[in-house]
Structure formats: C-alpha cells, structure tokens
PDB file of N, CA and C in Angstrom:
ATOM      1  N   GLY A   1      -6.073   1.085 -14.953  1.00  0.00           N
ATOM      2  CA  GLY A   1      -5.310   2.347 -15.434  1.00  0.00           C
ATOM      3  C   GLY A   1      -3.573   1.608 -15.612  1.00  0.00           C
ATOM      4  N   GLU A   2      -2.937   1.946 -16.008  1.00  0.00           N
ATOM      5  CA  GLU A   2      -1.487   1.416 -15.929  1.00  0.00           C
ATOM      6  C   GLU A   2      -0.935   2.353 -14.786  1.00  0.00           C
ATOM      7  N   PHE A   3       0.084   1.571 -14.186  1.00  0.00           N
ATOM      8  CA  PHE A   3       1.033   2.445 -13.044  1.00  0.00           C
ATOM      9  C   PHE A   3       1.849   3.398 -13.736  1.00  0.00           C
ATOM     10  N   LEU A   4       1.607   4.674 -12.942  1.00  0.00           N
ATOM     11  CA  LEU A   4       2.670   5.810 -13.641  1.00  0.00           C
ATOM     12  C   LEU A   4       3.742   6.017 -12.822  1.00  0.00           C
ATOM     13  N   SER A   5       4.729   5.575 -13.560  1.00  0.00           N
ATOM     14  CA  SER A   5       6.070   5.793 -12.997  1.00  0.00           C
ATOM     15  C   SER A   5       6.467   7.051 -12.779  1.00  0.00           C
ATOM     16  N   SER A   6       5.901   8.202 -13.177  1.00  0.00           N
ATOM     17  CA  SER A   6       5.792   9.478 -12.889  1.00  0.00           C
ATOM     18  C   SER A   6       5.427   9.770 -11.303  1.00  0.00           C
ATOM     19  N   GLY A   7       4.961   9.104 -10.876  1.00  0.00           N
ATOM     20  CA  GLY A   7       4.685   9.588  -9.568  1.00  0.00           C
ATOM     21  C   GLY A   7       3.263   8.822  -9.139  1.00  0.00           C
ATOM     22  N   PHE A   8       2.827   8.760  -7.883  1.00  0.00           N
ATOM     23  CA  PHE A   8       1.598   8.349  -7.461  1.00  0.00           C
ATOM     24  C   PHE A   8       0.471   9.157  -7.556  1.00  0.00           C
ATOM     25  N   LYS A   9      -0.917   8.678  -7.484  1.00  0.00           N
ATOM     26  CA  LYS A   9      -1.840   9.708  -7.650  1.00  0.00           C
ATOM     27  C   LYS A   9      -2.539   9.235  -6.341  1.00  0.00           C
ATOM     28  N   GLU A  10      -3.164  10.227  -5.494  1.00  0.00           N
ATOM     29  CA  GLU A  10      -3.684  10.220  -4.233  1.00  0.00           C
ATOM     30  C   GLU A  10      -5.309   9.812  -4.605  1.00  0.00           C
ATOM     31  N   PHE A  11      -5.769   8.943  -3.642  1.00  0.00           N
ATOM     32  CA  PHE A  11      -6.838   8.523  -3.670  1.00  0.00           C
ATOM     33  C   PHE A  11      -7.590   8.855  -2.291  1.00  0.00           C
ATOM     34  N   PRO A  12      -8.220   9.839  -1.687  1.00  0.00           N
ATOM     35  CA  PRO A  12      -8.390  10.155  -0.350  1.00  0.00           C
ATOM     36  C   PRO A  12      -9.622   9.405   0.261  1.00  0.00           C
ATOM     37  N   ALA A  13     -10.083   8.548  -0.452  1.00  0.00           N
ATOM     38  CA  ALA A  13     -11.383   7.802  -0.110  1.00  0.00           C
ATOM     39  C   ALA A  13     -11.065   6.873   0.958  1.00  0.00           C
ATOM     40  N   ILE A  14     -12.057   6.783   1.737  1.00  0.00           N
ATOM     41  CA  ILE A  14     -11.978   5.531   2.983  1.00  0.00           C
ATOM     42  C   ILE A  14     -13.154   4.965   3.062  1.00  0.00           C
ATOM     43  N   THR A  15     -12.511   3.608   2.716  1.00  0.00           N
ATOM     44  CA  THR A  15     -13.900   2.568   2.718  1.00  0.00           C
ATOM     45  C   THR A  15     -13.546   1.551   4.145  1.00  0.00           C
ATOM     46  N   GLN A  16     -14.607   0.892   4.205  1.00  0.00           N
ATOM     47  CA  GLN A  16     -14.749   0.340   5.709  1.00  0.00           C
ATOM     48  C   GLN A  16     -15.266  -1.240   5.403  1.00  0.00           C
ATOM     49  N   LYS A  17     -14.476  -2.701   5.795  1.00  0.00           N
ATOM     50  CA  LYS A  17     -15.016  -3.530   5.646  1.00  0.00           C
ATOM     51  C   LYS A  17     -15.084  -4.226   7.036  1.00  0.00           C
ATOM     52  N   GLY A  18     -16.061  -4.441   7.254  1.00  0.00           N
ATOM     53  CA  GLY A  18     -16.141  -5.041   9.227  1.00  0.00           C
ATOM     54  C   GLY A  18     -15.434  -4.172   9.980  1.00  0.00           C
ATOM     55  N   ASN A  19     -14.399  -4.661  10.591  1.00  0.00           N
ATOM     56  CA  ASN A  19     -13.789  -3.761  11.549  1.00  0.00           C
ATOM     57  C   ASN A  19     -12.405  -3.195  10.938  1.00  0.00           C
ATOM     58  N   ALA A  20     -12.285  -3.601   9.585  1.00  0.00           N
ATOM     59  CA  ALA A  20     -11.029  -3.041   8.791  1.00  0.00           C
ATOM     60  C   ALA A  20     -11.164  -1.569   8.226  1.00  0.00           C
ATOM     61  N   ILE A  21     -10.518  -0.489   8.391  1.00  0.00           N
ATOM     62  CA  ILE A  21     -10.877   0.680   7.810  1.00  0.00           C
ATOM     63  C   ILE A  21      -9.658   0.857   6.978  1.00  0.00           C
ATOM     64  N   TYR A  22      -9.816   1.092   5.507  1.00  0.00           N
ATOM     65  CA  TYR A  22      -8.969   1.092   4.408  1.00  0.00           C
ATOM     66  C   TYR A  22      -8.707   2.488   4.026  1.00  0.00           C
ATOM     67  N   VAL A  23      -7.547   3.161   4.094  1.00  0.00           N
ATOM     68  CA  VAL A  23      -7.179   4.466   3.870  1.00  0.00           C
ATOM     69  C   VAL A  23      -6.494   4.255   2.450  1.00  0.00           C
ATOM     70  N   ALA A  24      -7.237   5.157   1.396  1.00  0.00           N
ATOM     71  CA  ALA A  24      -6.455   4.923   0.046  1.00  0.00           C
ATOM     72  C   ALA A  24      -5.897   6.177  -0.138  1.00  0.00           C
ATOM     73  N   THR A  25      -4.698   6.224   0.532  1.00  0.00           N
ATOM     74  CA  THR A  25      -3.775   7.469   0.621  1.00  0.00           C
ATOM     75  C   THR A  25      -2.581   6.842  -0.069  1.00  0.00           C
ATOM     76  N   ILE A  26      -1.726   7.479  -1.124  1.00  0.00           N
ATOM     77  CA  ILE A  26      -0.686   7.173  -1.804  1.00  0.00           C
ATOM     78  C   ILE A  26       0.488   7.509  -0.827  1.00  0.00           C
ATOM     79  N   PRO A  27       1.593   6.433  -0.615  1.00  0.00           N
ATOM     80  CA  PRO A  27       2.797   7.053   0.216  1.00  0.00           C
ATOM     81  C   PRO A  27       3.914   7.575  -0.790  1.00  0.00           C
ATOM     82  N   GLU A  28       4.724   8.137  -0.812  1.00  0.00           N
ATOM     83  CA  GLU A  28       5.775   8.888  -1.169  1.00  0.00           C
ATOM     84  C   GLU A  28       6.671   7.373  -2.146  1.00  0.00           C
ATOM     85  N   LYS A  29       6.745   7.855  -3.338  1.00  0.00           N
ATOM     86  CA  LYS A  29       7.594   6.676  -3.435  1.00  0.00           C
ATOM     87  C   LYS A  29       8.458   5.991  -3.269  1.00  0.00           C
ATOM     88  N   ASN A  30       9.555   6.918  -2.880  1.00  0.00           N
ATOM     89  CA  ASN A  30      10.760   6.038  -2.274  1.00  0.00           C
ATOM     90  C   ASN A  30      10.539   5.164  -0.950  1.00  0.00           C
ATOM     91  N   LEU A  31       9.475   6.090  -0.239  1.00  0.00           N
ATOM     92  CA  LEU A  31       9.092   5.353   0.812  1.00  0.00           C
ATOM     93  C   LEU A  31       8.347   4.016   1.023  1.00  0.00           C
ATOM     94  N   LEU A  32       7.508   3.810  -0.170  1.00  0.00           N
ATOM     95  CA  LEU A  32       7.017   2.751  -0.633  1.00  0.00           C
ATOM     96  C   LEU A  32       8.038   1.625  -1.091  1.00  0.00           C
ATOM     97  N   LYS A  33       9.325   2.152  -1.582  1.00  0.00           N
ATOM     98  CA  LYS A  33      10.189   1.203  -2.252  1.00  0.00           C
ATOM     99  C   LYS A  33      10.887   0.529  -0.660  1.00  0.00           C
ATOM    100  N   GLU A  34      10.931   1.339   0.115  1.00  0.00           N
ATOM    101  CA  GLU A  34      11.848   1.189   1.051  1.00  0.00           C
ATOM    102  C   GLU A  34      10.872   0.230   2.285  1.00  0.00           C
ATOM    103  N   LEU A  35       9.734   0.322   2.077  1.00  0.00           N
ATOM    104  CA  LEU A  35       8.629  -0.782   2.732  1.00  0.00           C
ATOM    105  C   LEU A  35       9.022  -2.326   2.314  1.00  0.00           C
ATOM    106  N   LEU A  36       8.901  -1.804   0.659  1.00  0.00           N
ATOM    107  CA  LEU A  36       8.800  -3.363   0.309  1.00  0.00           C
ATOM    108  C   LEU A  36      10.190  -3.686   0.471  1.00  0.00           C
ATOM    109  N   ILE A  37      11.432  -2.951   0.748  1.00  0.00           N
ATOM    110  CA  ILE A  37      12.448  -3.798   0.731  1.00  0.00           C
ATOM    111  C   ILE A  37      12.410  -4.159   2.307  1.00  0.00           C
ATOM    112  N   SER A  38      12.041  -3.549   3.004  1.00  0.00           N
ATOM    113  CA  SER A  38      12.095  -4.004   4.916  1.00  0.00           C
ATOM    114  C   SER A  38      11.032  -5.237   4.677  1.00  0.00           C
ATOM    115  N   PHE A  39      10.261  -5.750   3.926  1.00  0.00           N
ATOM    116  CA  PHE A  39       9.521  -6.716   3.969  1.00  0.00           C
ATOM    117  C   PHE A  39      10.059  -7.616   3.067  1.00  0.00           C
ATOM    118  N   GLY A  40      11.351  -7.807   2.785  1.00  0.00           N
ATOM    119  CA  GLY A  40      11.913  -8.753   2.015  1.00  0.00           C
ATOM    120  C   GLY A  40      11.652  -9.158   0.658  1.00  0.00           C
ATOM    121  N   LEU A  41      10.845  -7.980   0.089  1.00  0.00           N
ATOM    122  CA  LEU A  41      10.511  -8.008  -1.456  1.00  0.00           C
ATOM    123  C   LEU A  41      11.781  -7.118  -2.451  1.00  0.00           C
ATOM    124  N   GLU A  42      12.748  -7.171  -2.037  1.00  0.00           N
ATOM    125  CA  GLU A  42      13.741  -6.312  -3.051  1.00  0.00           C
ATOM    126  C   GLU A  42      13.543  -6.410  -4.130  1.00  0.00           C
ATOM    127  N   LYS A  43      13.343  -7.389  -4.779  1.00  0.00           N
ATOM    128  CA  LYS A  43      13.368  -7.634  -6.202  1.00  0.00           C
ATOM    129  C   LYS A  43      12.195  -6.881  -6.989  1.00  0.00           C
ATOM    130  N   ARG A  44      11.197  -7.177  -5.888  1.00  0.00           N
ATOM    131  CA  ARG A  44       9.605  -6.014  -6.435  1.00  0.00           C
ATOM    132  C   ARG A  44      10.147  -4.607  -6.503  1.00  0.00           C
ATOM    133  N   ALA A  45      11.032  -4.096  -5.509  1.00  0.00           N
ATOM    134  CA  ALA A  45      11.156  -2.885  -5.175  1.00  0.00           C
ATOM    135  C   ALA A  45      12.035  -2.259  -6.084  1.00  0.00           C
ATOM    136  N   LYS A  46      13.043  -2.851  -6.825  1.00  0.00           N
ATOM    137  CA  LYS A  46      14.089  -2.585  -8.027  1.00  0.00           C
ATOM    138  C   LYS A  46      13.347  -1.722  -8.990  1.00  0.00           C
ATOM    139  N   ASP A  47      11.984  -2.234  -9.394  1.00  0.00           N
ATOM    140  CA  ASP A  47      11.548  -1.862 -10.857  1.00  0.00           C
ATOM    141  C   ASP A  47       9.946  -1.226 -10.186  1.00  0.00           C
ATOM    142  N   ASP A  48       9.873   0.022 -10.623  1.00  0.00           N
ATOM    143  CA  ASP A  48       8.404   0.605 -10.277  1.00  0.00           C
ATOM    144  C   ASP A  48       7.225  -0.162 -10.807  1.00  0.00           C
ATOM    145  N   LEU A  49       7.532  -0.374 -12.156  1.00  0.00           N
ATOM    146  CA  LEU A  49       6.584  -1.075 -12.777  1.00  0.00           C
ATOM    147  C   LEU A  49       6.200  -2.348 -12.393  1.00  0.00           C
ATOM    148  N   GLU A  50       6.834  -3.022 -11.586  1.00  0.00           N
ATOM    149  CA  GLU A  50       6.841  -4.363 -10.985  1.00  0.00           C
ATOM    150  C   GLU A  50       5.710  -4.055  -9.806  1.00  0.00           C
ATOM    151  N   LEU A  51       5.243  -3.155  -9.280  1.00  0.00           N
ATOM    152  CA  LEU A  51       4.467  -2.682  -8.383  1.00  0.00           C
ATOM    153  C   LEU A  51       3.335  -3.047  -8.585  1.00  0.00           C
ATOM    154  N   ILE A  52       2.798  -2.935 -10.002  1.00  0.00           N
ATOM    155  CA  ILE A  52       1.436  -3.245 -10.475  1.00  0.00           C
ATOM    156  C   ILE A  52       1.243  -4.479 -10.287  1.00  0.00           C
ATOM    157  N   ASN A  53       2.119  -5.738  -9.962  1.00  0.00           N
ATOM    158  CA  ASN A  53       1.752  -6.788  -9.551  1.00  0.00           C
ATOM    159  C   ASN A  53       1.093  -7.018  -8.478  1.00  0.00           C
ATOM    160  N   PHE A  54       1.427  -6.056  -7.313  1.00  0.00           N
ATOM    161  CA  PHE A  54       0.890  -6.365  -6.079  1.00  0.00           C
ATOM    162  C   PHE A  54      -0.703  -6.242  -5.771  1.00  0.00           C
ATOM    163  N   LYS A  55      -1.708  -6.740  -6.305  1.00  0.00           N
ATOM    164  CA  LYS A  55      -2.859  -6.762  -6.310  1.00  0.00           C
ATOM    165  C   LYS A  55      -3.295  -6.875  -4.920  1.00  0.00           C
ATOM    166  N   GLU A  56      -2.797  -7.785  -3.905  1.00  0.00           N
ATOM    167  CA  GLU A  56      -3.231  -7.848  -2.611  1.00  0.00           C
ATOM    168  C   GLU A  56      -2.642  -7.108  -1.666  1.00  0.00           C
ATOM    169  N   PHE A  57      -1.648  -6.161  -2.235  1.00  0.00           N
ATOM    170  CA  PHE A  57      -0.918  -5.012  -1.241  1.00  0.00           C
ATOM    171  C   PHE A  57      -1.975  -4.180  -0.905  1.00  0.00           C
ATOM    172  N   SER A  58      -2.211  -3.923   0.165  1.00  0.00           N
ATOM    173  CA  SER A  58      -3.209  -2.930   0.849  1.00  0.00           C
ATOM    174  C   SER A  58      -3.057  -2.692   2.231  1.00  0.00           C
ATOM    175  N   MET A  59      -2.675  -1.519   2.888  1.00  0.00           N
ATOM    176  CA  MET A  59      -2.581  -0.903   3.984  1.00  0.00           C
ATOM    177  C   MET A  59      -4.041  -0.793   4.718  1.00  0.00           C
ATOM    178  N   LEU A  60      -4.315  -1.324   5.936  1.00  0.00           N
ATOM    179  CA  LEU A  60      -5.129  -0.965   6.870  1.00  0.00           C
ATOM    180  C   LEU A  60      -5.393  -0.805   8.418  1.00  0.00           C
ATOM    181  N   LEU A  61      -6.274   0.135   8.856  1.00  0.00           N
ATOM    182  CA  LEU A  61      -6.399   0.485  10.078  1.00  0.00           C
ATOM    183  C   LEU A  61      -7.286  -0.167  10.927  1.00  0.00           C
ATOM    184  N   ASN A  62      -6.916  -1.078  11.886  1.00  0.00           N
ATOM    185  CA  ASN A  62      -8.012  -1.580  12.583  1.00  0.00           C
ATOM    186  C   ASN A  62      -8.118  -1.228  13.812  1.00  0.00           C
ATOM    187  N   PRO A  63      -9.444  -0.490  14.016  1.00  0.00           N
ATOM    188  CA  PRO A  63      -9.778   0.576  14.899  1.00  0.00           C
ATOM    189  C   PRO A  63      -9.726  -0.229  16.252  1.00  0.00           C
ATOM    190  N   SER A  64      -9.918  -1.422  16.528  1.00  0.00           N
ATOM    191  CA  SER A  64      -9.820  -2.147  17.768  1.00  0.00           C
ATOM    192  C   SER A  64      -8.406  -2.384  18.408  1.00  0.00           C
ATOM    193  N   SER A  65      -7.586  -2.626  17.234  1.00  0.00           N
ATOM    194  CA  SER A  65      -6.168  -2.970  18.014  1.00  0.00           C
ATOM    195  C   SER A  65      -5.356  -1.735  17.733  1.00  0.00           C
ATOM    196  N   GLU A  66      -5.658  -0.661  16.904  1.00  0.00           N
ATOM    197  CA  GLU A  66      -4.723   0.425  16.638  1.00  0.00           C
ATOM    198  C   GLU A  66      -3.762  -0.026  15.967  1.00  0.00           C
ATOM    199  N   LYS A  67      -3.593  -1.179  15.257  1.00  0.00           N
ATOM    200  CA  LYS A  67      -2.528  -1.500  14.357  1.00  0.00           C
ATOM    201  C   LYS A  67      -2.371  -1.428  13.269  1.00  0.00           C
ATOM    202  N   ARG A  68      -1.582  -0.796  12.554  1.00  0.00           N
ATOM    203  CA  ARG A  68      -1.426  -0.715  11.018  1.00  0.00           C
ATOM    204  C   ARG A  68      -1.002  -2.018  10.366  1.00  0.00           C
ATOM    205  N   GLU A  69      -1.837  -2.439   9.263  1.00  0.00           N
ATOM    206  CA  GLU A  69      -1.474  -3.681   8.993  1.00  0.00           C
ATOM    207  C   GLU A  69      -1.332  -3.894   7.518  1.00  0.00           C
ATOM    208  N   ILE A  70      -0.245  -4.481   6.531  1.00  0.00           N
ATOM    209  CA  ILE A  70      -0.458  -4.756   5.720  1.00  0.00           C
ATOM    210  C   ILE A  70      -0.705  -6.141   5.165  1.00  0.00           C
ATOM    211  N   GLU A  71      -1.579  -6.419   4.119  1.00  0.00           N
ATOM    212  CA  GLU A  71      -1.616  -7.497   3.589  1.00  0.00           C
ATOM    213  C   GLU A  71      -1.085  -7.887   2.313  1.00  0.00           C
ATOM    214  N   HIS A  72      -0.430  -9.130   2.199  1.00  0.00           N
ATOM    215  CA  HIS A  72       0.377  -9.305   0.887  1.00  0.00           C
ATOM    216  C   HIS A  72       0.540 -10.611   1.209  1.00  0.00           C
ATOM    217  N   ASP A  73      -0.291 -11.490  -0.259  1.00  0.00           N
ATOM    218  CA  ASP A  73      -0.108 -12.908  -0.501  1.00  0.00           C
ATOM    219  C   ASP A  73      -0.462 -13.826   0.993  1.00  0.00           C
ATOM    220  N   GLY A  74      -1.885 -13.160   1.777  1.00  0.00           N
ATOM    221  CA  GLY A  74      -2.061 -13.780   2.966  1.00  0.00           C
ATOM    222  C   GLY A  74      -1.071 -13.338   4.061  1.00  0.00           C
ATOM    223  N   LYS A  75      -0.119 -12.942   3.909  1.00  0.00           N
ATOM    224  CA  LYS A  75       0.804 -12.502   5.098  1.00  0.00           C
ATOM    225  C   LYS A  75       0.498 -11.141   5.521  1.00  0.00           C
ATOM    226  N   HIS A  76       0.311 -10.783   7.155  1.00  0.00           N
ATOM    227  CA  HIS A  76      -0.069  -9.824   7.492  1.00  0.00           C
ATOM    228  C   HIS A  76       1.379  -9.165   8.166  1.00  0.00           C
ATOM    229  N   ILE A  77       1.401  -7.886   7.628  1.00  0.00           N
ATOM    230  CA  ILE A  77       2.666  -6.986   7.997  1.00  0.00           C
ATOM    231  C   ILE A  77       2.160  -5.847   8.930  1.00  0.00           C
ATOM    232  N   TYR A  78       2.547  -5.782  10.063  1.00  0.00           N
ATOM    233  CA  TYR A  78       2.520  -4.566  10.908  1.00  0.00           C
ATOM    234  C   TYR A  78       3.334  -3.403  10.688  1.00  0.00           C
ATOM    235  N   LEU A  79       2.742  -2.398  10.683  1.00  0.00           N
ATOM    236  CA  LEU A  79       3.720  -1.003  10.314  1.00  0.00           C
ATOM    237  C   LEU A  79       3.751  -0.330  11.466  1.00  0.00           C
ATOM    238  N   GLU A  80       4.569   0.629  11.328  1.00  0.00           N
ATOM    239  CA  GLU A  80       4.798   1.544  12.475  1.00  0.00           C
ATOM    240  C   GLU A  80       3.915   2.647  12.198  1.00  0.00           C
ATOM    241  N   ALA A  81       3.678   3.611  13.302  1.00  0.00           N
ATOM    242  CA  ALA A  81       2.398   4.633  13.527  1.00  0.00           C
ATOM    243  C   ALA A  81       2.744   5.451  12.449  1.00  0.00           C
ATOM    244  N   TYR A  82       3.605   5.747  11.936  1.00  0.00           N
ATOM    245  CA  TYR A  82       3.773   6.918  10.910  1.00  0.00           C
ATOM    246  C   TYR A  82       2.989   6.440   9.687  1.00  0.00           C
ATOM    247  N   CYS A  83       3.031   5.075   9.413  1.00  0.00           N
ATOM    248  CA  CYS A  83       2.501   4.703   7.764  1.00  0.00           C
ATOM    249  C   CYS A  83       1.087   4.382   8.095  1.00  0.00           C
ATOM    250  N   TRP A  84       0.342   5.270   7.552  1.00  0.00           N
ATOM    251  CA  TRP A  84      -1.035   4.880   7.704  1.00  0.00           C
ATOM    252  C   TRP A  84      -1.775   4.697   5.909  1.00  0.00           C
ATOM    253  N   LYS A  85      -0.668   4.857   5.092  1.00  0.00           N
ATOM    254  CA  LYS A  85      -0.940   5.120   4.046  1.00  0.00           C
ATOM    255  C   LYS A  85      -1.020   3.571   2.979  1.00  0.00           C
ATOM    256  N   THR A  86      -1.677   3.549   1.880  1.00  0.00           N
ATOM    257  CA  THR A  86      -1.536   2.466   0.845  1.00  0.00           C
ATOM    258  C   THR A  86      -1.851   3.161  -0.263  1.00  0.00           C
ATOM    259  N   PHE A  87      -1.765   1.976  -1.502  1.00  0.00           N
ATOM    260  CA  PHE A  87      -1.656   2.327  -2.856  1.00  0.00           C
ATOM    261  C   PHE A  87      -2.579   1.544  -3.617  1.00  0.00           C
ATOM    262  N   ASN A  88      -3.195   1.977  -4.787  1.00  0.00           N
ATOM    263  CA  ASN A  88      -3.793   0.992  -5.742  1.00  0.00           C
ATOM    264  C   ASN A  88      -3.602   1.456  -7.127  1.00  0.00           C
ATOM    265  N   PRO A  89      -2.355   0.936  -7.724  1.00  0.00           N
ATOM    266  CA  PRO A  89      -2.050   1.555  -8.725  1.00  0.00           C
ATOM    267  C   PRO A  89      -2.931   1.026 -10.231  1.00  0.00           C
ATOM    268  N   PHE A  90      -3.857   0.353  -9.869  1.00  0.00           N
ATOM    269  CA  PHE A  90      -4.831  -0.175 -10.726  1.00  0.00           C
ATOM    270  C   PHE A  90      -5.872   0.954 -10.758  1.00  0.00           C
ATOM    271  N   GLN A  91      -5.936   1.982  -9.947  1.00  0.00           N
ATOM    272  CA  GLN A  91      -6.898   2.934 -10.077  1.00  0.00           C
ATOM    273  C   GLN A  91      -6.671   4.194 -11.199  1.00  0.00           C
ATOM    274  N   VAL A  92      -5.160   4.272 -10.876  1.00  0.00           N
ATOM    275  CA  VAL A  92      -4.282   5.271 -11.516  1.00  0.00           C
ATOM    276  C   VAL A  92      -4.814   5.496 -13.169  1.00  0.00           C
ATOM    277  N   GLY A  93      -5.413   6.863 -13.446  1.00  0.00           N
ATOM    278  CA  GLY A  93      -5.833   6.948 -15.136  1.00  0.00           C
ATOM    279  C   GLY A  93      -6.879   6.389 -15.085  1.00  0.00           C
ATOM    280  N   GLN A  94      -7.869   5.989 -14.279  1.00  0.00           N
ATOM    281  CA  GLN A  94      -9.376   5.508 -14.710  1.00  0.00           C
ATOM    282  C   GLN A  94     -10.080   6.433 -14.266  1.00  0.00           C
TER     283      GLN A  94
END
C-alpha cells in the first residue's frame, strides 16, 4: 500500500528474529521527522511521501542489551528509552 500522508496506521504485532524483537508500532508523525533529522536525514524528513523510500528503516529492541536500535542502510542507530516504536509504510492500506 501507499504511504498515507494523512497519518500513520498502527500495527501492534510483535515479531522476533533471533535475539531481536521487532515492535511494529507507529510513532507520531512529527516525532518521526525529528528522529530522521537527528540522524542527519533532513532531506528525507522534509516530505512525508519520501518516507516510503526507507525500506530498511526499522527499530528493534535487543533483549540482551536493552538497547533500542534503528537499522538504516547498514547503519545502526541507538535511541533513547522512550522510543520503542517503528513504522512500515508499505503495509498501510494492505
């Protein structure tokens, strides 16, 4: 499905791959933009529709280290404890 600029849709499902637990809960849109900007991705954050290009963008909680991590293009970015959320714009409307 296409990314909906009118707002995110939540997917409460939790999946596990090895030691990584993926929590599919969508953060508030402005918070997501702030996160992208903080990662040096200002260009992407300017346009909501460009978020659909973030195929690799997923947040995970590693139970062994209790660290919140975002994977993007092979880079691992650790978040503060208040962000346990991720998004999948490809599932919206499906």
